[in-house]
Structure formats: C-alpha cells, structure tokens
Amino acid sequence: QVQLVESGGGLVQPGGSLRLSCAASGIIFSICTMAWYRQAPGKQRDLVAVITKGMSTNYADSVKGRFTISRDNASKMVYLQMNSLKPEDTAVYYCNAQVGPASSWGQGTQVTVSS
C-alpha cells in the first residue's frame, strides 16, 4: 500500500539549515506530483513546495529563495532543502503524493527553529 515516511526534522537555530527527506513506497513514484506542506499549531495546513513528474517546481512566497524541493525517481525520494530558517518556519512538515484525484500523506516531521 502507499506509504510516505518523512525524516530529517529537528531543532535548528535561526539562520540555520535542514534537509527533510520523504521515502515513498507502494506508488508509481515517477508519475506522481510530490509536495511538502506544513502546519503550525492552531493553523491550517499550507502548501510549501511542489515538484511535478516533469520536474517543474513552485513555492509558497514565504519560502521562495530559501527552500528547494527536489526528487530522485531512482530511489523514490523527495527532499526539501531549507536554508536561512526563521522561527516562523516552525511547524510539522508533511510529504504529499498525488496522481489525479488520489492523494497520500506522510506522518509528518517536526521542525523547530529557535535560538
């Protein structure tokens, strides 16, 4: 069955960097649109970054220029490189896979940016 497992979250100081990873299984990874979302306590889950099967990308304005989404179809992995982190980036980050109307979610990984 479809499974997405995030890793790489943790505690980092403002201005620091983290790389999140998402390992996919049970899907034809190469045809999926992959995305990262995040959700802070009491807030809605917001789209952070998207990468299509054709490698097109898009980013939320709040992370543009600081975050980079990438994918490796051979290993069925999606990454989110996060640089110049700010306290407002603190959230649970979720991996998402979509093919047409079908959507799958990972369990989330906590990112905390604090001095």
PDB file of N, CA and C in Angstrom:
ATOM      1  N   GLN A   1       0.853  -1.199   0.000  1.00  0.00           N
ATOM      2  CA  GLN A   1       0.000   0.000   0.000  1.00  0.00           C
ATOM      3  C   GLN A   1       0.883   1.242   0.000  1.00  0.00           C
ATOM      4  N   VAL A   2       0.278   2.377  -0.299  1.00  0.00           N
ATOM      5  CA  VAL A   2       1.007   3.633  -0.370  1.00  0.00           C
ATOM      6  C   VAL A   2       1.548   3.986   1.010  1.00  0.00           C
ATOM      7  N   GLN A   3       2.819   4.353   1.053  1.00  0.00           N
ATOM      8  CA  GLN A   3       3.431   4.792   2.295  1.00  0.00           C
ATOM      9  C   GLN A   3       4.435   5.900   2.008  1.00  0.00           C
ATOM     10  N   LEU A   4       4.346   6.978   2.780  1.00  0.00           N
ATOM     11  CA  LEU A   4       5.286   8.085   2.718  1.00  0.00           C
ATOM     12  C   LEU A   4       5.843   8.289   4.116  1.00  0.00           C
ATOM     13  N   VAL A   5       7.160   8.305   4.240  1.00  0.00           N
ATOM     14  CA  VAL A   5       7.805   8.426   5.539  1.00  0.00           C
ATOM     15  C   VAL A   5       8.790   9.579   5.503  1.00  0.00           C
ATOM     16  N   GLU A   6       8.511  10.608   6.308  1.00  0.00           N
ATOM     17  CA  GLU A   6       9.376  11.778   6.389  1.00  0.00           C
ATOM     18  C   GLU A   6      10.453  11.577   7.448  1.00  0.00           C
ATOM     19  N   SER A   7      11.576  12.249   7.245  1.00  0.00           N
ATOM     20  CA  SER A   7      12.643  12.265   8.227  1.00  0.00           C
ATOM     21  C   SER A   7      13.461  13.533   8.047  1.00  0.00           C
ATOM     22  N   GLY A   8      14.320  13.822   9.006  1.00  0.00           N
ATOM     23  CA  GLY A   8      15.234  14.943   8.904  1.00  0.00           C
ATOM     24  C   GLY A   8      14.854  16.167   9.707  1.00  0.00           C
ATOM     25  N   GLY A   9      13.696  16.148  10.338  1.00  0.00           N
ATOM     26  CA  GLY A   9      13.301  17.272  11.159  1.00  0.00           C
ATOM     27  C   GLY A   9      14.126  17.345  12.430  1.00  0.00           C
ATOM     28  N   GLY A  10      13.994  18.462  13.130  1.00  0.00           N
ATOM     29  CA  GLY A  10      14.726  18.643  14.363  1.00  0.00           C
ATOM     30  C   GLY A  10      14.746  20.092  14.788  1.00  0.00           C
ATOM     31  N   LEU A  11      15.627  20.388  15.725  1.00  0.00           N
ATOM     32  CA  LEU A  11      15.795  21.728  16.265  1.00  0.00           C
ATOM     33  C   LEU A  11      16.984  22.398  15.594  1.00  0.00           C
ATOM     34  N   VAL A  12      16.780  23.623  15.129  1.00  0.00           N
ATOM     35  CA  VAL A  12      17.842  24.372  14.466  1.00  0.00           C
ATOM     36  C   VAL A  12      17.737  25.841  14.856  1.00  0.00           C
ATOM     37  N   GLN A  13      18.866  26.528  14.890  1.00  0.00           N
ATOM     38  CA  GLN A  13      18.873  27.946  15.213  1.00  0.00           C
ATOM     39  C   GLN A  13      18.443  28.794  14.020  1.00  0.00           C
ATOM     40  N   PRO A  14      17.893  29.982  14.273  1.00  0.00           N
ATOM     41  CA  PRO A  14      17.579  30.880  13.156  1.00  0.00           C
ATOM     42  C   PRO A  14      18.800  31.100  12.271  1.00  0.00           C
ATOM     43  N   GLY A  15      18.575  31.086  10.966  1.00  0.00           N
ATOM     44  CA  GLY A  15      19.653  31.200  10.003  1.00  0.00           C
ATOM     45  C   GLY A  15      20.277  29.884   9.613  1.00  0.00           C
ATOM     46  N   GLY A  16      19.930  28.820  10.306  1.00  0.00           N
ATOM     47  CA  GLY A  16      20.475  27.513  10.020  1.00  0.00           C
ATOM     48  C   GLY A  16      19.758  26.803   8.898  1.00  0.00           C
ATOM     49  N   SER A  17      20.162  25.552   8.656  1.00  0.00           N
ATOM     50  CA  SER A  17      19.632  24.760   7.553  1.00  0.00           C
ATOM     51  C   SER A  17      19.246  23.367   8.010  1.00  0.00           C
ATOM     52  N   LEU A  18      18.267  22.792   7.328  1.00  0.00           N
ATOM     53  CA  LEU A  18      17.875  21.402   7.489  1.00  0.00           C
ATOM     54  C   LEU A  18      17.495  20.852   6.129  1.00  0.00           C
ATOM     55  N   ARG A  19      17.657  19.544   5.956  1.00  0.00           N
ATOM     56  CA  ARG A  19      17.142  18.867   4.770  1.00  0.00           C
ATOM     57  C   ARG A  19      16.172  17.784   5.195  1.00  0.00           C
ATOM     58  N   LEU A  20      14.932  17.917   4.762  1.00  0.00           N
ATOM     59  CA  LEU A  20      13.921  16.913   5.007  1.00  0.00           C
ATOM     60  C   LEU A  20      13.908  15.896   3.875  1.00  0.00           C
ATOM     61  N   SER A  21      13.628  14.648   4.227  1.00  0.00           N
ATOM     62  CA  SER A  21      13.545  13.575   3.247  1.00  0.00           C
ATOM     63  C   SER A  21      12.192  12.889   3.352  1.00  0.00           C
ATOM     64  N   CYS A  22      11.702  12.395   2.224  1.00  0.00           N
ATOM     65  CA  CYS A  22      10.458  11.633   2.172  1.00  0.00           C
ATOM     66  C   CYS A  22      10.705  10.401   1.326  1.00  0.00           C
ATOM     67  N   ALA A  23      10.560   9.227   1.923  1.00  0.00           N
ATOM     68  CA  ALA A  23      10.723   7.960   1.227  1.00  0.00           C
ATOM     69  C   ALA A  23       9.355   7.416   0.848  1.00  0.00           C
ATOM     70  N   ALA A  24       9.167   7.121  -0.436  1.00  0.00           N
ATOM     71  CA  ALA A  24       7.884   6.663  -0.953  1.00  0.00           C
ATOM     72  C   ALA A  24       7.932   5.187  -1.300  1.00  0.00           C
ATOM     73  N   SER A  25       6.819   4.491  -1.067  1.00  0.00           N
ATOM     74  CA  SER A  25       6.663   3.111  -1.484  1.00  0.00           C
ATOM     75  C   SER A  25       5.198   2.855  -1.814  1.00  0.00           C
ATOM     76  N   GLY A  26       4.938   1.798  -2.582  1.00  0.00           N
ATOM     77  CA  GLY A  26       3.576   1.431  -2.918  1.00  0.00           C
ATOM     78  C   GLY A  26       2.925   2.314  -3.969  1.00  0.00           C
ATOM     79  N   ILE A  27       3.699   3.131  -4.657  1.00  0.00           N
ATOM     80  CA  ILE A  27       3.201   4.006  -5.706  1.00  0.00           C
ATOM     81  C   ILE A  27       4.147   3.968  -6.895  1.00  0.00           C
ATOM     82  N   ILE A  28       3.605   4.334  -8.053  1.00  0.00           N
ATOM     83  CA  ILE A  28       4.467   4.535  -9.213  1.00  0.00           C
ATOM     84  C   ILE A  28       5.015   5.949  -9.080  1.00  0.00           C
ATOM     85  N   PHE A  29       6.137   6.053  -8.410  1.00  0.00           N
ATOM     86  CA  PHE A  29       6.656   7.337  -7.962  1.00  0.00           C
ATOM     87  C   PHE A  29       6.871   8.315  -9.106  1.00  0.00           C
ATOM     88  N   SER A  30       7.365   7.824 -10.232  1.00  0.00           N
ATOM     89  CA  SER A  30       7.775   8.707 -11.315  1.00  0.00           C
ATOM     90  C   SER A  30       6.622   9.478 -11.948  1.00  0.00           C
ATOM     91  N   ILE A  31       5.383   9.048 -11.753  1.00  0.00           N
ATOM     92  CA  ILE A  31       4.237   9.749 -12.333  1.00  0.00           C
ATOM     93  C   ILE A  31       3.490  10.603 -11.309  1.00  0.00           C
ATOM     94  N   CYS A  32       3.969  10.644 -10.086  1.00  0.00           N
ATOM     95  CA  CYS A  32       3.317  11.411  -9.033  1.00  0.00           C
ATOM     96  C   CYS A  32       3.799  12.852  -9.006  1.00  0.00           C
ATOM     97  N   THR A  33       2.872  13.748  -8.704  1.00  0.00           N
ATOM     98  CA  THR A  33       3.244  15.077  -8.266  1.00  0.00           C
ATOM     99  C   THR A  33       3.520  15.007  -6.768  1.00  0.00           C
ATOM    100  N   MET A  34       4.666  15.505  -6.346  1.00  0.00           N
ATOM    101  CA  MET A  34       5.073  15.454  -4.950  1.00  0.00           C
ATOM    102  C   MET A  34       5.092  16.859  -4.367  1.00  0.00           C
ATOM    103  N   ALA A  35       4.793  16.952  -3.085  1.00  0.00           N
ATOM    104  CA  ALA A  35       4.731  18.256  -2.439  1.00  0.00           C
ATOM    105  C   ALA A  35       5.088  18.150  -0.970  1.00  0.00           C
ATOM    106  N   TRP A  36       5.503  19.266  -0.429  1.00  0.00           N
ATOM    107  CA  TRP A  36       5.664  19.437   1.008  1.00  0.00           C
ATOM    108  C   TRP A  36       4.645  20.459   1.499  1.00  0.00           C
ATOM    109  N   TYR A  37       3.976  20.123   2.588  1.00  0.00           N
ATOM    110  CA  TYR A  37       3.085  21.022   3.302  1.00  0.00           C
ATOM    111  C   TYR A  37       3.617  21.212   4.718  1.00  0.00           C
ATOM    112  N   ARG A  38       3.114  22.237   5.396  1.00  0.00           N
ATOM    113  CA  ARG A  38       3.455  22.405   6.802  1.00  0.00           C
ATOM    114  C   ARG A  38       2.257  22.933   7.575  1.00  0.00           C
ATOM    115  N   GLN A  39       2.239  22.611   8.863  1.00  0.00           N
ATOM    116  CA  GLN A  39       1.150  23.023   9.726  1.00  0.00           C
ATOM    117  C   GLN A  39       1.701  23.396  11.096  1.00  0.00           C
ATOM    118  N   ALA A  40       1.511  24.650  11.469  1.00  0.00           N
ATOM    119  CA  ALA A  40       1.866  25.120  12.800  1.00  0.00           C
ATOM    120  C   ALA A  40       0.679  24.913  13.735  1.00  0.00           C
ATOM    121  N   PRO A  41       0.917  24.848  15.050  1.00  0.00           N
ATOM    122  CA  PRO A  41      -0.188  24.639  15.990  1.00  0.00           C
ATOM    123  C   PRO A  41      -1.289  25.683  15.829  1.00  0.00           C
ATOM    124  N   GLY A  42      -2.525  25.223  15.723  1.00  0.00           N
ATOM    125  CA  GLY A  42      -3.672  26.108  15.587  1.00  0.00           C
ATOM    126  C   GLY A  42      -3.850  26.722  14.218  1.00  0.00           C
ATOM    127  N   LYS A  43      -3.019  26.342  13.261  1.00  0.00           N
ATOM    128  CA  LYS A  43      -3.079  26.910  11.920  1.00  0.00           C
ATOM    129  C   LYS A  43      -3.475  25.849  10.898  1.00  0.00           C
ATOM    130  N   GLN A  44      -3.865  26.291   9.717  1.00  0.00           N
ATOM    131  CA  GLN A  44      -4.197  25.377   8.634  1.00  0.00           C
ATOM    132  C   GLN A  44      -2.934  24.785   8.039  1.00  0.00           C
ATOM    133  N   ARG A  45      -3.112  23.675   7.349  1.00  0.00           N
ATOM    134  CA  ARG A  45      -2.001  23.063   6.651  1.00  0.00           C
ATOM    135  C   ARG A  45      -1.786  23.773   5.319  1.00  0.00           C
ATOM    136  N   ASP A  46      -0.606  24.334   5.126  1.00  0.00           N
ATOM    137  CA  ASP A  46      -0.309  25.157   3.966  1.00  0.00           C
ATOM    138  C   ASP A  46       0.693  24.480   3.045  1.00  0.00           C
ATOM    139  N   LEU A  47       0.499  24.697   1.756  1.00  0.00           N
ATOM    140  CA  LEU A  47       1.442  24.207   0.758  1.00  0.00           C
ATOM    141  C   LEU A  47       2.745  24.990   0.852  1.00  0.00           C
ATOM    142  N   VAL A  48       3.860  24.275   0.853  1.00  0.00           N
ATOM    143  CA  VAL A  48       5.182  24.877   0.911  1.00  0.00           C
ATOM    144  C   VAL A  48       5.876  24.828  -0.441  1.00  0.00           C
ATOM    145  N   ALA A  49       5.899  23.651  -1.061  1.00  0.00           N
ATOM    146  CA  ALA A  49       6.613  23.467  -2.319  1.00  0.00           C
ATOM    147  C   ALA A  49       6.030  22.288  -3.073  1.00  0.00           C
ATOM    148  N   VAL A  50       6.096  22.347  -4.402  1.00  0.00           N
ATOM    149  CA  VAL A  50       5.580  21.300  -5.285  1.00  0.00           C
ATOM    150  C   VAL A  50       6.633  20.975  -6.330  1.00  0.00           C
ATOM    151  N   ILE A  51       6.732  19.696  -6.676  1.00  0.00           N
ATOM    152  CA  ILE A  51       7.534  19.283  -7.820  1.00  0.00           C
ATOM    153  C   ILE A  51       6.747  18.245  -8.605  1.00  0.00           C
ATOM    154  N   THR A  52       6.601  18.470  -9.909  1.00  0.00           N
ATOM    155  CA  THR A  52       5.826  17.580 -10.764  1.00  0.00           C
ATOM    156  C   THR A  52       6.689  16.454 -11.301  1.00  0.00           C
ATOM    157  N   LYS A  53       6.032  15.523 -12.002  1.00  0.00           N
ATOM    158  CA  LYS A  53       6.773  14.428 -12.631  1.00  0.00           C
ATOM    159  C   LYS A  53       7.739  14.939 -13.690  1.00  0.00           C
ATOM    160  N   GLY A  54       7.452  16.112 -14.249  1.00  0.00           N
ATOM    161  CA  GLY A  54       8.325  16.733 -15.226  1.00  0.00           C
ATOM    162  C   GLY A  54       9.367  17.652 -14.633  1.00  0.00           C
ATOM    163  N   MET A  55       9.464  17.678 -13.304  1.00  0.00           N
ATOM    164  CA  MET A  55      10.476  18.436 -12.564  1.00  0.00           C
ATOM    165  C   MET A  55      10.192  19.933 -12.481  1.00  0.00           C
ATOM    166  N   SER A  56       8.984  20.347 -12.849  1.00  0.00           N
ATOM    167  CA  SER A  56       8.592  21.731 -12.604  1.00  0.00           C
ATOM    168  C   SER A  56       8.372  21.941 -11.111  1.00  0.00           C
ATOM    169  N   THR A  57       8.727  23.114 -10.608  1.00  0.00           N
ATOM    170  CA  THR A  57       8.596  23.411  -9.185  1.00  0.00           C
ATOM    171  C   THR A  57       7.844  24.706  -8.955  1.00  0.00           C
ATOM    172  N   ASN A  58       7.256  24.815  -7.766  1.00  0.00           N
ATOM    173  CA  ASN A  58       6.620  26.041  -7.336  1.00  0.00           C
ATOM    174  C   ASN A  58       6.723  26.112  -5.820  1.00  0.00           C
ATOM    175  N   TYR A  59       6.749  27.342  -5.292  1.00  0.00           N
ATOM    176  CA  TYR A  59       6.972  27.562  -3.872  1.00  0.00           C
ATOM    177  C   TYR A  59       6.023  28.600  -3.320  1.00  0.00           C
ATOM    178  N   ALA A  60       5.698  28.443  -2.044  1.00  0.00           N
ATOM    179  CA  ALA A  60       4.990  29.499  -1.337  1.00  0.00           C
ATOM    180  C   ALA A  60       5.873  30.737  -1.269  1.00  0.00           C
ATOM    181  N   ASP A  61       5.248  31.906  -1.329  1.00  0.00           N
ATOM    182  CA  ASP A  61       6.020  33.151  -1.290  1.00  0.00           C
ATOM    183  C   ASP A  61       6.885  33.244  -0.036  1.00  0.00           C
ATOM    184  N   SER A  62       6.414  32.696   1.069  1.00  0.00           N
ATOM    185  CA  SER A  62       7.124  32.811   2.331  1.00  0.00           C
ATOM    186  C   SER A  62       8.442  32.046   2.361  1.00  0.00           C
ATOM    187  N   VAL A  63       8.624  31.083   1.456  1.00  0.00           N
ATOM    188  CA  VAL A  63       9.842  30.277   1.450  1.00  0.00           C
ATOM    189  C   VAL A  63      10.652  30.438   0.178  1.00  0.00           C
ATOM    190  N   LYS A  64      10.141  31.170  -0.782  1.00  0.00           N
ATOM    191  CA  LYS A  64      10.807  31.329  -2.066  1.00  0.00           C
ATOM    192  C   LYS A  64      12.197  31.922  -1.882  1.00  0.00           C
ATOM    193  N   GLY A  65      13.175  31.302  -2.501  1.00  0.00           N
ATOM    194  CA  GLY A  65      14.549  31.741  -2.385  1.00  0.00           C
ATOM    195  C   GLY A  65      15.303  31.130  -1.231  1.00  0.00           C
ATOM    196  N   ARG A  66      14.596  30.473  -0.307  1.00  0.00           N
ATOM    197  CA  ARG A  66      15.228  29.843   0.843  1.00  0.00           C
ATOM    198  C   ARG A  66      15.119  28.322   0.813  1.00  0.00           C
ATOM    199  N   PHE A  67      14.009  27.800   0.292  1.00  0.00           N
ATOM    200  CA  PHE A  67      13.755  26.359   0.259  1.00  0.00           C
ATOM    201  C   PHE A  67      13.877  25.849  -1.167  1.00  0.00           C
ATOM    202  N   THR A  68      14.320  24.595  -1.305  1.00  0.00           N
ATOM    203  CA  THR A  68      14.404  23.938  -2.603  1.00  0.00           C
ATOM    204  C   THR A  68      13.843  22.530  -2.505  1.00  0.00           C
ATOM    205  N   ILE A  69      12.866  22.208  -3.347  1.00  0.00           N
ATOM    206  CA  ILE A  69      12.321  20.859  -3.416  1.00  0.00           C
ATOM    207  C   ILE A  69      12.998  20.120  -4.564  1.00  0.00           C
ATOM    208  N   SER A  70      13.284  18.843  -4.350  1.00  0.00           N
ATOM    209  CA  SER A  70      13.887  18.023  -5.384  1.00  0.00           C
ATOM    210  C   SER A  70      13.388  16.592  -5.249  1.00  0.00           C
ATOM    211  N   ARG A  71      13.616  15.791  -6.283  1.00  0.00           N
ATOM    212  CA  ARG A  71      13.203  14.393  -6.238  1.00  0.00           C
ATOM    213  C   ARG A  71      14.221  13.530  -6.951  1.00  0.00           C
ATOM    214  N   ASP A  72      14.301  12.278  -6.524  1.00  0.00           N
ATOM    215  CA  ASP A  72      15.160  11.282  -7.128  1.00  0.00           C
ATOM    216  C   ASP A  72      14.274  10.086  -7.445  1.00  0.00           C
ATOM    217  N   ASN A  73      13.918   9.926  -8.714  1.00  0.00           N
ATOM    218  CA  ASN A  73      12.990   8.869  -9.094  1.00  0.00           C
ATOM    219  C   ASN A  73      13.591   7.477  -8.926  1.00  0.00           C
ATOM    220  N   ALA A  74      14.900   7.356  -9.065  1.00  0.00           N
ATOM    221  CA  ALA A  74      15.544   6.057  -8.925  1.00  0.00           C
ATOM    222  C   ALA A  74      15.399   5.518  -7.510  1.00  0.00           C
ATOM    223  N   SER A  75      15.524   6.389  -6.520  1.00  0.00           N
ATOM    224  CA  SER A  75      15.413   5.979  -5.128  1.00  0.00           C
ATOM    225  C   SER A  75      14.042   6.254  -4.532  1.00  0.00           C
ATOM    226  N   LYS A  76      13.139   6.852  -5.300  1.00  0.00           N
ATOM    227  CA  LYS A  76      11.785   7.209  -4.855  1.00  0.00           C
ATOM    228  C   LYS A  76      11.837   8.068  -3.596  1.00  0.00           C
ATOM    229  N   MET A  77      12.643   9.128  -3.679  1.00  0.00           N
ATOM    230  CA  MET A  77      12.823  10.056  -2.578  1.00  0.00           C
ATOM    231  C   MET A  77      12.478  11.473  -3.007  1.00  0.00           C
ATOM    232  N   VAL A  78      11.919  12.235  -2.085  1.00  0.00           N
ATOM    233  CA  VAL A  78      11.679  13.657  -2.247  1.00  0.00           C
ATOM    234  C   VAL A  78      12.393  14.378  -1.118  1.00  0.00           C
ATOM    235  N   TYR A  79      12.978  15.516  -1.437  1.00  0.00           N
ATOM    236  CA  TYR A  79      13.734  16.273  -0.454  1.00  0.00           C
ATOM    237  C   TYR A  79      13.238  17.711  -0.379  1.00  0.00           C
ATOM    238  N   LEU A  80      13.421  18.308   0.779  1.00  0.00           N
ATOM    239  CA  LEU A  80      13.195  19.734   0.950  1.00  0.00           C
ATOM    240  C   LEU A  80      14.405  20.311   1.663  1.00  0.00           C
ATOM    241  N   GLN A  81      15.230  21.025   0.919  1.00  0.00           N
ATOM    242  CA  GLN A  81      16.372  21.711   1.492  1.00  0.00           C
ATOM    243  C   GLN A  81      15.906  23.062   2.012  1.00  0.00           C
ATOM    244  N   MET A  82      16.104  23.308   3.291  1.00  0.00           N
ATOM    245  CA  MET A  82      15.636  24.522   3.946  1.00  0.00           C
ATOM    246  C   MET A  82      16.837  25.297   4.459  1.00  0.00           C
ATOM    247  N   ASN A  83      17.048  26.486   3.918  1.00  0.00           N
ATOM    248  CA  ASN A  83      18.142  27.357   4.320  1.00  0.00           C
ATOM    249  C   ASN A  83      17.597  28.645   4.918  1.00  0.00           C
ATOM    250  N   SER A  84      18.457  29.361   5.621  1.00  0.00           N
ATOM    251  CA  SER A  84      18.086  30.640   6.231  1.00  0.00           C
ATOM    252  C   SER A  84      16.793  30.528   7.022  1.00  0.00           C
ATOM    253  N   LEU A  85      16.720  29.528   7.862  1.00  0.00           N
ATOM    254  CA  LEU A  85      15.481  29.239   8.574  1.00  0.00           C
ATOM    255  C   LEU A  85      15.130  30.338   9.564  1.00  0.00           C
ATOM    256  N   LYS A  86      13.835  30.571   9.693  1.00  0.00           N
ATOM    257  CA  LYS A  86      13.276  31.582  10.573  1.00  0.00           C
ATOM    258  C   LYS A  86      12.374  30.923  11.608  1.00  0.00           C
ATOM    259  N   PRO A  87      12.179  31.554  12.771  1.00  0.00           N
ATOM    260  CA  PRO A  87      11.253  30.982  13.756  1.00  0.00           C
ATOM    261  C   PRO A  87       9.870  30.701  13.192  1.00  0.00           C
ATOM    262  N   GLU A  88       9.399  31.522  12.269  1.00  0.00           N
ATOM    263  CA  GLU A  88       8.085  31.308  11.680  1.00  0.00           C
ATOM    264  C   GLU A  88       8.011  30.088  10.764  1.00  0.00           C
ATOM    265  N   ASP A  89       9.148  29.457  10.482  1.00  0.00           N
ATOM    266  CA  ASP A  89       9.152  28.197   9.748  1.00  0.00           C
ATOM    267  C   ASP A  89       8.830  27.005  10.648  1.00  0.00           C
ATOM    268  N   THR A  90       8.763  27.222  11.947  1.00  0.00           N
ATOM    269  CA  THR A  90       8.458  26.147  12.885  1.00  0.00           C
ATOM    270  C   THR A  90       7.091  25.548  12.584  1.00  0.00           C
ATOM    271  N   ALA A  91       7.049  24.238  12.370  1.00  0.00           N
ATOM    272  CA  ALA A  91       5.815  23.550  12.007  1.00  0.00           C
ATOM    273  C   ALA A  91       6.098  22.060  11.890  1.00  0.00           C
ATOM    274  N   VAL A  92       5.030  21.282  11.762  1.00  0.00           N
ATOM    275  CA  VAL A  92       5.148  19.902  11.323  1.00  0.00           C
ATOM    276  C   VAL A  92       5.091  19.905   9.804  1.00  0.00           C
ATOM    277  N   TYR A  93       6.066  19.283   9.179  1.00  0.00           N
ATOM    278  CA  TYR A  93       6.161  19.238   7.728  1.00  0.00           C
ATOM    279  C   TYR A  93       5.707  17.876   7.224  1.00  0.00           C
ATOM    280  N   TYR A  94       4.827  17.887   6.210  1.00  0.00           N
ATOM    281  CA  TYR A  94       4.222  16.675   5.673  1.00  0.00           C
ATOM    282  C   TYR A  94       4.564  16.487   4.203  1.00  0.00           C
ATOM    283  N   CYS A  95       4.883  15.272   3.841  1.00  0.00           N
ATOM    284  CA  CYS A  95       5.087  14.884   2.458  1.00  0.00           C
ATOM    285  C   CYS A  95       3.761  14.463   1.854  1.00  0.00           C
ATOM    286  N   ASN A  96       3.526  14.825   0.590  1.00  0.00           N
ATOM    287  CA  ASN A  96       2.284  14.507  -0.100  1.00  0.00           C
ATOM    288  C   ASN A  96       2.580  13.998  -1.499  1.00  0.00           C
ATOM    289  N   ALA A  97       1.832  12.977  -1.915  1.00  0.00           N
ATOM    290  CA  ALA A  97       1.918  12.441  -3.269  1.00  0.00           C
ATOM    291  C   ALA A  97       0.539  12.452  -3.899  1.00  0.00           C
ATOM    292  N   GLN A  98       0.466  12.864  -5.168  1.00  0.00           N
ATOM    293  CA  GLN A  98      -0.822  12.924  -5.849  1.00  0.00           C
ATOM    294  C   GLN A  98      -0.709  12.457  -7.285  1.00  0.00           C
ATOM    295  N   VAL A  99      -1.664  11.607  -7.676  1.00  0.00           N
ATOM    296  CA  VAL A  99      -1.860  11.220  -9.064  1.00  0.00           C
ATOM    297  C   VAL A  99      -3.338  11.412  -9.350  1.00  0.00           C
ATOM    298  N   GLY A 100      -3.675  12.391 -10.174  1.00  0.00           N
ATOM    299  CA  GLY A 100      -5.070  12.716 -10.411  1.00  0.00           C
ATOM    300  C   GLY A 100      -5.770  13.029  -9.106  1.00  0.00           C
ATOM    301  N   PRO A 101      -6.913  12.341  -8.835  1.00  0.00           N
ATOM    302  CA  PRO A 101      -7.646  12.624  -7.602  1.00  0.00           C
ATOM    303  C   PRO A 101      -7.119  11.923  -6.364  1.00  0.00           C
ATOM    304  N   ALA A 102      -6.188  11.003  -6.515  1.00  0.00           N
ATOM    305  CA  ALA A 102      -5.674  10.226  -5.392  1.00  0.00           C
ATOM    306  C   ALA A 102      -4.551  10.979  -4.700  1.00  0.00           C
ATOM    307  N   SER A 103      -4.632  11.059  -3.376  1.00  0.00           N
ATOM    308  CA  SER A 103      -3.651  11.799  -2.593  1.00  0.00           C
ATOM    309  C   SER A 103      -3.246  10.985  -1.371  1.00  0.00           C
ATOM    310  N   SER A 104      -1.958  10.984  -1.062  1.00  0.00           N
ATOM    311  CA  SER A 104      -1.424  10.272   0.088  1.00  0.00           C
ATOM    312  C   SER A 104      -0.556  11.200   0.914  1.00  0.00           C
ATOM    313  N   TRP A 105      -0.528  10.944   2.215  1.00  0.00           N
ATOM    314  CA  TRP A 105       0.209  11.789   3.162  1.00  0.00           C
ATOM    315  C   TRP A 105       1.140  10.976   4.026  1.00  0.00           C
ATOM    316  N   GLY A 106       2.265  11.575   4.377  1.00  0.00           N
ATOM    317  CA  GLY A 106       3.131  11.012   5.384  1.00  0.00           C
ATOM    318  C   GLY A 106       2.667  11.385   6.778  1.00  0.00           C
ATOM    319  N   GLN A 107       3.409  10.935   7.778  1.00  0.00           N
ATOM    320  CA  GLN A 107       3.026  11.155   9.169  1.00  0.00           C
ATOM    321  C   GLN A 107       3.491  12.499   9.713  1.00  0.00           C
ATOM    322  N   GLY A 108       4.395  13.145   9.021  1.00  0.00           N
ATOM    323  CA  GLY A 108       4.904  14.438   9.419  1.00  0.00           C
ATOM    324  C   GLY A 108       6.195  14.345  10.206  1.00  0.00           C
ATOM    325  N   THR A 109       6.996  15.406  10.113  1.00  0.00           N
ATOM    326  CA  THR A 109       8.215  15.522  10.895  1.00  0.00           C
ATOM    327  C   THR A 109       8.315  16.946  11.440  1.00  0.00           C
ATOM    328  N   GLN A 110       8.674  17.062  12.706  1.00  0.00           N
ATOM    329  CA  GLN A 110       8.689  18.355  13.385  1.00  0.00           C
ATOM    330  C   GLN A 110       9.950  19.132  13.054  1.00  0.00           C
ATOM    331  N   VAL A 111       9.764  20.388  12.684  1.00  0.00           N
ATOM    332  CA  VAL A 111      10.865  21.327  12.503  1.00  0.00           C
ATOM    333  C   VAL A 111      10.665  22.473  13.490  1.00  0.00           C
ATOM    334  N   THR A 112      11.656  22.710  14.329  1.00  0.00           N
ATOM    335  CA  THR A 112      11.608  23.796  15.297  1.00  0.00           C
ATOM    336  C   THR A 112      12.801  24.704  15.081  1.00  0.00           C
ATOM    337  N   VAL A 113      12.531  25.982  14.855  1.00  0.00           N
ATOM    338  CA  VAL A 113      13.574  26.984  14.640  1.00  0.00           C
ATOM    339  C   VAL A 113      13.549  27.924  15.836  1.00  0.00           C
ATOM    340  N   SER A 114      14.590  27.862  16.638  1.00  0.00           N
ATOM    341  CA  SER A 114      14.611  28.620  17.881  1.00  0.00           C
ATOM    342  C   SER A 114      16.044  28.872  18.312  1.00  0.00           C
ATOM    343  N   SER A 115      16.257  30.024  18.938  1.00  0.00           N
ATOM    344  CA  SER A 115      17.560  30.359  19.492  1.00  0.00           C
ATOM    345  C   SER A 115      17.669  29.968  20.955  1.00  0.00           C
TER     346      SER A 115
END
